[in-house]
Protein backbone atom coordinates (compact mmCIF):
# COMPACT_ATOMS: atom_id res chain seq x y z
CA UNK A 1 9.03 -8.57 -38.56
CA UNK A 2 6.45 -11.23 -37.91
CA UNK A 3 6.26 -13.57 -35.01
CA UNK A 4 4.21 -14.69 -32.14
CA UNK A 5 4.26 -13.27 -28.67
CA UNK A 6 3.15 -15.36 -25.70
CA UNK A 7 2.93 -14.59 -22.03
CA UNK A 8 3.00 -17.49 -19.59
CA UNK A 9 2.37 -16.99 -15.88
CA UNK A 10 2.84 -19.89 -13.50
CA UNK A 11 3.17 -20.38 -9.77
CA UNK A 12 6.11 -22.30 -8.49
CA UNK A 13 7.32 -23.10 -5.02
CA UNK A 14 10.97 -23.93 -4.55
CA UNK A 15 13.04 -24.72 -1.48
CA UNK A 16 14.07 -21.06 -1.37
CA UNK A 17 10.42 -20.00 -1.27
CA UNK A 18 9.76 -22.35 1.64
CA UNK A 19 12.88 -21.14 3.48
CA UNK A 20 11.90 -17.51 2.90
CA UNK A 21 8.34 -18.29 3.97
CA UNK A 22 9.51 -19.87 7.23
CA UNK A 23 11.91 -16.97 7.87
CA UNK A 24 9.24 -14.32 7.22
CA UNK A 25 6.66 -16.18 9.31
CA UNK A 26 9.03 -16.49 12.28
CA UNK A 27 10.17 -12.87 11.86
CA UNK A 28 6.54 -11.73 11.72
CA UNK A 29 5.76 -13.55 14.97
CA UNK A 30 8.86 -12.05 16.63
CA UNK A 31 7.91 -8.56 15.45
CA UNK A 32 4.34 -9.05 16.71
CA UNK A 33 5.71 -10.07 20.10
CA UNK A 34 7.67 -6.78 20.34
CA UNK A 35 5.67 -4.17 18.35
CA UNK A 36 7.01 -1.13 20.21
CA UNK A 37 10.61 -2.14 19.51
CA UNK A 38 9.72 -2.91 15.87
CA UNK A 39 8.11 0.53 15.56
CA UNK A 40 11.28 2.24 16.82
CA UNK A 41 13.49 0.17 14.50
CA UNK A 42 11.25 0.90 11.51
CA UNK A 43 11.30 4.65 12.26
CA UNK A 44 15.11 4.62 12.42
CA UNK A 45 15.22 2.61 9.19
CA UNK A 46 12.88 5.04 7.43
CA UNK A 47 14.90 7.98 8.73
CA UNK A 48 18.25 6.59 7.58
CA UNK A 49 16.92 5.53 4.17
CA UNK A 50 15.38 8.97 3.67
CA UNK A 51 18.64 10.66 4.68
CA UNK A 52 20.81 8.48 2.43
CA UNK A 53 18.48 8.87 -0.55
CA UNK A 54 18.41 12.63 0.04
CA UNK A 55 22.22 12.85 0.08
CA UNK A 56 22.47 10.70 -3.07
CA UNK A 57 19.86 12.79 -4.93
CA UNK A 58 21.56 15.96 -3.74
CA UNK A 59 24.92 14.68 -5.00
CA UNK A 60 23.40 13.65 -8.32
CA UNK A 61 21.83 17.09 -8.59
CA UNK A 62 25.19 18.78 -7.99
CA UNK A 63 26.61 16.73 -10.85
CA UNK A 64 23.95 18.23 -13.10
CA UNK A 65 25.01 21.84 -12.64
CA UNK A 66 24.43 23.65 -15.95
CA UNK A 67 22.30 20.75 -17.19
CA UNK A 68 18.60 20.11 -17.17
CA UNK A 69 17.23 18.75 -13.93
CA UNK A 70 19.64 20.53 -11.59
CA UNK A 71 17.07 22.55 -9.65
CA UNK A 72 14.50 19.75 -9.17
CA UNK A 73 17.24 17.36 -8.02
CA UNK A 74 18.69 19.99 -5.70
CA UNK A 75 15.25 20.73 -4.25
CA UNK A 76 14.28 17.04 -3.83
CA UNK A 77 17.69 16.10 -2.40
CA UNK A 78 17.62 18.95 0.09
CA UNK A 79 14.05 18.16 1.12
CA UNK A 80 14.76 14.44 1.61
CA UNK A 81 17.97 15.15 3.52
CA UNK A 82 16.23 17.57 5.88
CA UNK A 83 13.31 15.14 6.28
CA UNK A 84 15.68 12.26 7.09
CA UNK A 85 17.50 14.37 9.67
CA UNK A 86 14.15 15.44 11.14
CA UNK A 87 12.94 11.84 11.42
CA UNK A 88 16.15 10.74 13.11
CA UNK A 89 16.18 13.76 15.43
CA UNK A 90 12.61 13.29 16.61
CA UNK A 91 11.52 9.68 16.25
CA UNK A 92 8.47 10.16 18.47
CA UNK A 93 7.01 12.87 16.21
CA UNK A 94 7.80 10.70 13.18
CA UNK A 95 6.00 7.74 14.75
CA UNK A 96 2.96 9.88 15.55
CA UNK A 97 2.95 11.33 12.03
CA UNK A 98 3.17 7.92 10.37
CA UNK A 99 0.46 6.59 12.71
CA UNK A 100 -1.82 9.48 11.72
CA UNK A 101 -1.14 8.69 8.05
CA UNK A 102 -1.98 5.02 8.65
CA UNK A 103 -5.22 6.00 10.40
CA UNK A 104 -6.14 8.31 7.51
CA UNK A 105 -5.53 5.45 5.06
CA UNK A 106 -7.76 3.16 7.18
CA UNK A 107 -10.48 5.82 7.35
CA UNK A 108 -10.54 6.67 3.64
CA UNK A 109 -10.18 3.00 2.69
CA UNK A 110 -13.19 2.17 4.84
CA UNK A 111 -15.24 5.05 3.43
CA UNK A 112 -14.31 4.03 -0.11
CA UNK A 113 -15.37 0.40 0.55
CA UNK A 114 -18.70 1.61 1.92
CA UNK A 115 -19.31 3.76 -1.16
CA UNK A 116 -18.33 0.93 -3.53
CA UNK A 117 -20.57 -1.48 -1.59
CA UNK A 118 -23.62 0.41 -2.81
CA UNK A 119 -22.41 0.29 -6.40
CA UNK A 120 -21.41 -3.40 -6.49
CA UNK A 121 -24.26 -5.56 -5.26
CA UNK A 122 -22.40 -8.87 -5.61
CA UNK A 123 -19.75 -8.05 -2.96
CA UNK A 124 -21.85 -5.70 -0.84
CA UNK A 125 -21.76 -7.65 2.47
CA UNK A 126 -17.99 -8.17 2.38
CA UNK A 127 -17.34 -4.55 1.41
CA UNK A 128 -19.63 -3.22 4.14
CA UNK A 129 -18.06 -5.41 6.83
CA UNK A 130 -14.48 -4.56 5.77
CA UNK A 131 -15.41 -0.88 5.40
CA UNK A 132 -16.87 -0.75 8.91
CA UNK A 133 -13.82 -2.59 10.29
CA UNK A 134 -11.44 -0.09 8.66
CA UNK A 135 -13.42 2.91 9.89
CA UNK A 136 -13.58 1.51 13.44
CA UNK A 137 -9.83 0.81 13.35
CA UNK A 138 -9.16 4.38 12.19
CA UNK A 139 -11.35 5.78 14.98
CA UNK A 140 -9.58 3.59 17.56
CA UNK A 141 -6.21 4.85 16.36
CA UNK A 142 -7.34 8.49 16.36
CA UNK A 143 -8.94 8.06 19.80
CA UNK A 144 -5.75 6.71 21.34
CA UNK A 145 -3.10 8.26 19.11
CA UNK A 146 -0.16 8.40 21.51
CA UNK A 147 -0.51 4.78 22.62
CA UNK A 148 -1.13 3.65 19.04
CA UNK A 149 1.94 5.49 17.76
CA UNK A 150 4.23 3.41 19.97
CA UNK A 151 3.13 0.09 18.52
CA UNK A 152 0.84 0.37 15.48
CA UNK A 153 3.62 0.47 12.90
CA UNK A 154 5.27 -2.58 14.49
CA UNK A 155 1.97 -4.45 14.49
CA UNK A 156 1.35 -3.61 10.83
CA UNK A 157 4.90 -4.65 9.93
CA UNK A 158 4.52 -7.93 11.83
CA UNK A 159 1.19 -8.72 10.18
CA UNK A 160 2.64 -7.95 6.73
CA UNK A 161 5.65 -10.20 7.35
CA UNK A 162 3.39 -12.97 8.65
CA UNK A 163 1.08 -12.77 5.64
CA UNK A 164 4.02 -12.68 3.21
CA UNK A 165 5.62 -15.67 4.94
CA UNK A 166 2.45 -17.74 4.84
CA UNK A 167 1.91 -16.77 1.20
CA UNK A 168 5.43 -17.91 0.27
CA UNK A 169 4.90 -21.17 2.17
CA UNK A 170 1.57 -21.92 0.52
CA UNK A 171 2.00 -20.57 -2.99
CA UNK A 172 5.62 -19.65 -3.69
CA UNK A 173 6.31 -17.01 -6.32
CA UNK A 174 4.93 -16.21 -9.71
CA UNK A 175 7.15 -16.88 -12.68
CA UNK A 176 6.37 -14.85 -15.77
CA UNK A 177 7.77 -15.87 -19.13
CA UNK A 178 7.53 -13.71 -22.22
CA UNK A 179 8.14 -15.50 -25.51
CA UNK A 180 9.02 -13.28 -28.41
CA UNK A 181 10.31 -14.03 -31.89
CA UNK A 182 13.80 -13.19 -30.64
CA UNK A 183 13.68 -15.56 -27.64
CA UNK A 184 12.24 -16.18 -24.20
CA UNK A 185 12.61 -13.77 -21.31
CA UNK A 186 11.82 -14.60 -17.69
CA UNK A 187 10.45 -11.65 -15.79
């Protein structure tokens, strides 16, 4: 079978992209205005999703009795179900735990940027500045963990929504087309 394969990537911005961009930008600003409420909502969302996924995996595992994959599915489903119940039962501990994880990501991300800064001379100033900023942010979160746990997740969610909204407004989405001998597929 002979033929030519081609991959075409293009940016396009449609009315839907602009509408989604406006919606995400406004939602991001609303979330940033109420970060504590957004943190609570996100913890409940994470808890319910974890619980539902756990029950579904547990049910799928029970359907695999006497087949391969029963025990891993049973273990994973049980673990996710218990974790979901735990998150929903104690949202404060879940918020603190997720805030600690975020601070650890900031800390290790900052350390990694600092290490890479000495290996890549071209981007050294940017990597050092962003590395220091991440490390300082991690130390601020660790230094004031209880206060940070009430609003950090909401702030991060709001910033992410704001950035996504502005990105959709400015650039739209990528459209990827794969041309094969058998036809064209849009990914």
